[in-house]
Amino acid sequence: MKIIAVHKGFACDHSSTSYQFLAVDKPLDEKARRAVSSLSRRATPTRRRVSFIYHAEGYDLPGGWEKLMREYYDVMYSESYDWWTLAMAFDAPKKQQEALRQYAFSGRDDLGLSVECDGRRVTVAVHCRADAEALYGIGQGYEDDGDDFDEEDEEYEEDEESDGATFESEDGLLGLLTQVRQQLIDGDYQALYAVWEVYGVEDDEEESPPRPSSRKQGKKVVDEFRALLATE
């Protein structure tokens, strides 16, 4: 495994930590769901989604969220006392991995972006504060108990088995991350540059990442993603 960037993590006094995962490209089979459910007695993974919530300090996802992104899921968001991690994973060739690593940085208060590669699998994670109004605007509240998971899976049960099917989540934030992920797969890194514009600190030791060429297509997704990134 090759680590392109290391994120120190947030240290804060919090009472709960939550995770939401979504498998975009391929639904989990029964064996994979058993492996995921073994991480927590309260976890009930479906073919596409799973959530984890820890209400006591000192308890967290065993083995970390990164392993789940490498093996099972494609997008994830985590919230802990208003500190957020927004992650997207996909397979990419070496050349694209090197291009992505140019956008990794750690800014003030460890807000920034990390890139981790394991073979062809690359995970891009944005460490941020989230704007509450922007979250509401994409239909994502702070409380999501996962009660609609089974219904969501059933709705797309026929589509998810067909070739070239695109899975769309009813969770607004997971849906937005899915769109940003597709842009990254297509080589459009405007969303990553937006993270630098909000949290980056240009100095003698750290240069700014390359500015991607502007594309009209997908601009709404980039603008919506950038609006999520709060500084306070």
Protein backbone atom coordinates (compact mmCIF):
# COMPACT_ATOMS: atom_id res chain seq x y z
CA MET A 1 0.00 0.00 0.00
CA LYS A 2 1.30 3.47 -0.91
CA ILE A 3 0.34 6.46 1.23
CA ILE A 4 0.36 9.66 -0.80
CA ALA A 5 -0.80 11.95 1.98
CA VAL A 6 -1.34 11.57 5.72
CA HIS A 7 -4.08 13.38 7.62
CA LYS A 8 -3.58 13.93 11.34
CA GLY A 9 -7.27 13.81 12.18
CA PHE A 10 -9.38 15.99 14.42
CA ALA A 11 -9.19 16.00 18.20
CA CYS A 12 -12.35 17.36 19.76
CA ASP A 13 -14.72 16.86 22.64
CA HIS A 14 -17.61 15.07 20.99
CA SER A 15 -20.48 12.89 22.06
CA SER A 16 -21.13 11.03 18.81
CA THR A 17 -19.53 10.01 15.52
CA SER A 18 -21.54 8.87 12.53
CA TYR A 19 -20.72 7.30 9.15
CA GLN A 20 -22.75 6.81 5.99
CA PHE A 21 -21.39 4.55 3.21
CA LEU A 22 -22.69 3.92 -0.30
CA ALA A 23 -21.63 1.32 -2.88
CA VAL A 24 -22.09 2.98 -6.28
CA ASP A 25 -20.50 0.64 -8.80
CA LYS A 26 -21.40 -2.76 -7.40
CA PRO A 27 -23.84 -3.92 -4.70
CA LEU A 28 -22.49 -6.00 -1.82
CA ASP A 29 -23.10 -9.73 -1.92
CA GLU A 30 -24.12 -11.70 1.17
CA LYS A 31 -20.54 -12.50 2.20
CA ALA A 32 -19.53 -8.84 2.03
CA ARG A 33 -22.59 -7.77 4.04
CA ARG A 34 -21.70 -10.28 6.76
CA ALA A 35 -18.17 -8.88 6.92
CA VAL A 36 -19.48 -5.32 7.28
CA SER A 37 -22.13 -6.23 9.86
CA SER A 38 -19.48 -7.96 11.99
CA LEU A 39 -17.98 -4.55 12.74
CA SER A 40 -20.94 -3.51 14.85
CA ARG A 41 -23.95 -5.27 16.36
CA ARG A 42 -26.09 -2.28 15.40
CA ALA A 43 -24.99 -2.17 11.76
CA THR A 44 -27.52 -3.50 9.24
CA PRO A 45 -25.90 -3.23 5.80
CA THR A 46 -28.07 -3.52 2.71
CA ARG A 47 -26.81 -4.24 -0.78
CA ARG A 48 -25.85 -0.60 -1.21
CA ARG A 49 -25.65 1.23 2.12
CA VAL A 50 -24.65 1.02 5.73
CA SER A 51 -24.47 3.46 8.63
CA PHE A 52 -22.53 3.42 11.87
CA ILE A 53 -23.24 5.65 14.86
CA TYR A 54 -21.16 5.78 18.05
CA HIS A 55 -22.54 7.81 20.94
CA ALA A 56 -19.73 7.34 23.45
CA GLU A 57 -16.33 8.98 23.30
CA GLY A 58 -13.54 6.49 22.71
CA TYR A 59 -15.67 4.21 20.52
CA ASP A 60 -15.23 4.31 16.78
CA LEU A 61 -15.36 2.19 13.64
CA PRO A 62 -13.04 -0.83 14.12
CA GLY A 63 -10.16 -0.68 11.66
CA GLY A 64 -11.21 2.75 10.43
CA TRP A 65 -13.39 3.80 7.52
CA GLU A 66 -10.56 3.55 4.99
CA LYS A 67 -10.65 -0.26 4.87
CA LEU A 68 -14.34 -0.24 3.99
CA MET A 69 -13.65 2.17 1.13
CA ARG A 70 -10.88 0.00 -0.23
CA GLU A 71 -12.95 -3.16 -0.21
CA TYR A 72 -16.68 -2.40 -0.40
CA TYR A 73 -17.86 1.19 -0.76
CA ASP A 74 -17.33 4.07 -3.18
CA VAL A 75 -18.48 7.18 -1.30
CA MET A 76 -18.69 7.99 2.40
CA TYR A 77 -19.26 10.88 4.73
CA SER A 78 -18.55 11.05 8.43
CA GLU A 79 -19.47 13.69 10.99
CA SER A 80 -18.05 14.17 14.45
CA TYR A 81 -19.04 17.31 16.35
CA ASP A 82 -19.26 19.39 13.16
CA TRP A 83 -15.97 18.05 11.74
CA TRP A 84 -16.62 16.22 8.50
CA THR A 85 -14.84 13.77 6.22
CA LEU A 86 -16.15 13.43 2.66
CA ALA A 87 -14.56 10.49 0.84
CA MET A 88 -14.66 9.05 -2.67
CA ALA A 89 -12.90 5.89 -3.86
CA PHE A 90 -12.37 4.41 -7.32
CA ASP A 91 -9.85 2.52 -9.41
CA ALA A 92 -7.33 4.66 -11.27
CA PRO A 93 -4.13 4.08 -13.24
CA LYS A 94 -0.77 5.25 -11.90
CA LYS A 95 -0.73 8.36 -14.06
CA GLN A 96 -4.06 9.52 -12.70
CA GLN A 97 -3.01 8.71 -9.14
CA GLU A 98 0.00 10.99 -9.59
CA ALA A 99 -2.24 13.73 -10.93
CA LEU A 100 -4.58 13.41 -7.94
CA ARG A 101 -1.75 13.55 -5.40
CA GLN A 102 -0.96 17.09 -6.50
CA TYR A 103 -4.15 18.19 -4.76
CA ALA A 104 -3.32 16.68 -1.36
CA PHE A 105 -2.60 19.22 1.38
CA SER A 106 -3.21 19.99 5.03
CA GLY A 107 -4.27 23.54 5.81
CA ARG A 108 -5.29 25.35 8.96
CA ASP A 109 -6.68 23.10 11.71
CA ASP A 110 -5.91 20.09 9.46
CA LEU A 111 -8.66 21.12 7.07
CA GLY A 112 -7.68 19.93 3.62
CA LEU A 113 -7.48 16.92 1.36
CA SER A 114 -5.75 13.55 1.50
CA VAL A 115 -5.08 10.93 -1.17
CA GLU A 116 -4.37 7.28 -0.37
CA CYS A 117 -3.54 4.59 -2.92
CA ASP A 118 -3.63 0.83 -2.54
CA GLY A 119 -2.76 -0.77 -5.85
CA ARG A 120 -5.23 0.62 -8.38
CA ARG A 121 -7.66 1.76 -5.69
CA VAL A 122 -7.42 5.44 -4.77
CA THR A 123 -9.34 7.16 -1.98
CA VAL A 124 -9.71 10.94 -1.99
CA ALA A 125 -10.89 12.40 1.33
CA VAL A 126 -11.85 15.99 2.08
CA HIS A 127 -11.51 17.01 5.74
CA CYS A 128 -13.71 20.01 6.36
CA ARG A 129 -16.29 21.92 8.31
CA ALA A 130 -19.71 21.79 6.67
CA ASP A 131 -22.07 24.68 6.08
CA ALA A 132 -25.42 23.81 7.67
CA GLU A 133 -27.46 25.82 5.16
CA ALA A 134 -25.72 24.15 2.23
CA LEU A 135 -26.37 20.72 3.74
CA TYR A 136 -30.04 21.53 4.07
CA GLY A 137 -30.06 22.76 0.50
CA ILE A 138 -29.09 19.37 -0.88
CA GLY A 139 -31.64 17.60 1.31
CA GLN A 140 -29.15 16.32 3.85
CA GLY A 141 -30.07 16.80 7.51
CA TYR A 142 -27.91 16.08 10.50
CA GLU A 143 -29.98 13.08 11.55
CA ASP A 144 -30.34 10.08 9.24
CA ASP A 145 -31.20 6.88 11.06
CA GLY A 146 -31.10 4.78 7.89
CA ASP A 147 -34.73 3.66 8.11
CA ASP A 148 -35.14 4.11 4.33
CA PHE A 149 -32.21 1.88 3.35
CA ASP A 150 -34.23 -1.21 2.50
CA GLU A 151 -36.80 0.78 0.57
CA GLU A 152 -34.06 2.49 -1.39
CA ASP A 153 -32.43 -0.83 -2.25
CA GLU A 154 -35.73 -2.32 -3.40
CA GLU A 155 -36.40 0.65 -5.63
CA TYR A 156 -33.18 0.04 -7.53
CA GLU A 157 -33.05 -3.74 -7.22
CA GLU A 158 -33.77 -4.31 -10.91
CA ASP A 159 -31.45 -1.57 -12.18
CA GLU A 160 -28.44 -2.50 -10.07
CA GLU A 161 -28.02 -5.86 -11.75
CA SER A 162 -28.05 -4.52 -15.32
CA ASP A 163 -24.90 -3.63 -17.23
CA GLY A 164 -23.93 0.04 -17.03
CA ALA A 165 -26.54 0.83 -14.41
CA THR A 166 -25.97 4.01 -12.39
CA PHE A 167 -27.12 3.91 -8.81
CA GLU A 168 -28.51 7.11 -7.32
CA SER A 169 -28.96 7.59 -3.60
CA GLU A 170 -31.87 9.39 -1.98
CA ASP A 171 -29.37 10.81 0.52
CA GLY A 172 -28.52 14.26 -0.85
CA LEU A 173 -24.94 14.36 0.34
CA LEU A 174 -24.14 10.83 -0.83
CA GLY A 175 -25.68 11.76 -4.17
CA LEU A 176 -23.50 14.86 -4.48
CA LEU A 177 -20.36 12.91 -3.58
CA THR A 178 -21.29 10.35 -6.21
CA GLN A 179 -21.39 13.11 -8.83
CA VAL A 180 -18.06 14.58 -7.68
CA ARG A 181 -16.56 11.08 -7.76
CA GLN A 182 -17.63 10.67 -11.38
CA GLN A 183 -15.99 13.98 -12.25
CA LEU A 184 -12.73 12.78 -10.69
CA ILE A 185 -12.92 9.51 -12.63
CA ASP A 186 -13.38 11.59 -15.81
CA GLY A 187 -10.28 13.66 -14.98
CA ASP A 188 -12.12 16.80 -13.88
CA TYR A 189 -10.47 18.04 -10.67
CA GLN A 190 -12.26 21.37 -10.25
CA ALA A 191 -13.90 20.20 -7.02
CA LEU A 192 -10.48 19.37 -5.54
CA TYR A 193 -9.13 22.77 -6.50
CA ALA A 194 -12.13 24.34 -4.79
CA VAL A 195 -11.04 22.66 -1.54
CA TRP A 196 -7.62 24.30 -1.92
CA GLU A 197 -9.21 27.69 -2.58
CA VAL A 198 -11.15 27.44 0.68
CA TYR A 199 -8.59 25.82 3.01
CA GLY A 200 -5.20 26.06 1.31
CA VAL A 201 -2.37 28.23 2.64
CA GLU A 202 0.19 29.11 -0.02
CA ASP A 203 3.70 29.63 1.37
CA ASP A 204 7.31 28.82 0.55
CA GLU A 205 6.94 25.19 1.62
CA GLU A 206 3.64 24.34 -0.05
CA GLU A 207 2.71 25.42 -3.55
CA SER A 208 -0.81 25.62 -4.85
CA PRO A 209 -2.04 22.66 -6.93
CA PRO A 210 -2.48 23.06 -10.68
CA ARG A 211 -5.61 24.97 -11.64
CA PRO A 212 -7.87 22.68 -13.72
CA SER A 213 -9.26 23.99 -16.96
CA SER A 214 -12.75 25.36 -16.52
CA ARG A 215 -15.60 23.17 -17.76
CA LYS A 216 -19.18 24.33 -18.12
CA GLN A 217 -20.42 20.78 -17.78
CA GLY A 218 -20.62 19.85 -14.11
CA LYS A 219 -20.16 23.43 -12.88
CA LYS A 220 -23.33 23.21 -10.79
CA VAL A 221 -21.94 20.14 -9.00
CA VAL A 222 -18.64 21.92 -8.27
CA ASP A 223 -20.43 25.03 -7.00
CA GLU A 224 -22.69 22.95 -4.75
CA PHE A 225 -19.71 21.04 -3.41
CA ARG A 226 -17.74 24.20 -2.71
CA ALA A 227 -20.72 25.73 -0.90
CA LEU A 228 -20.51 22.87 1.61
CA LEU A 229 -17.02 23.88 2.74
CA ALA A 230 -17.30 26.17 5.75
CA THR A 231 -14.37 27.96 7.39
CA GLU A 232 -15.97 28.43 10.82
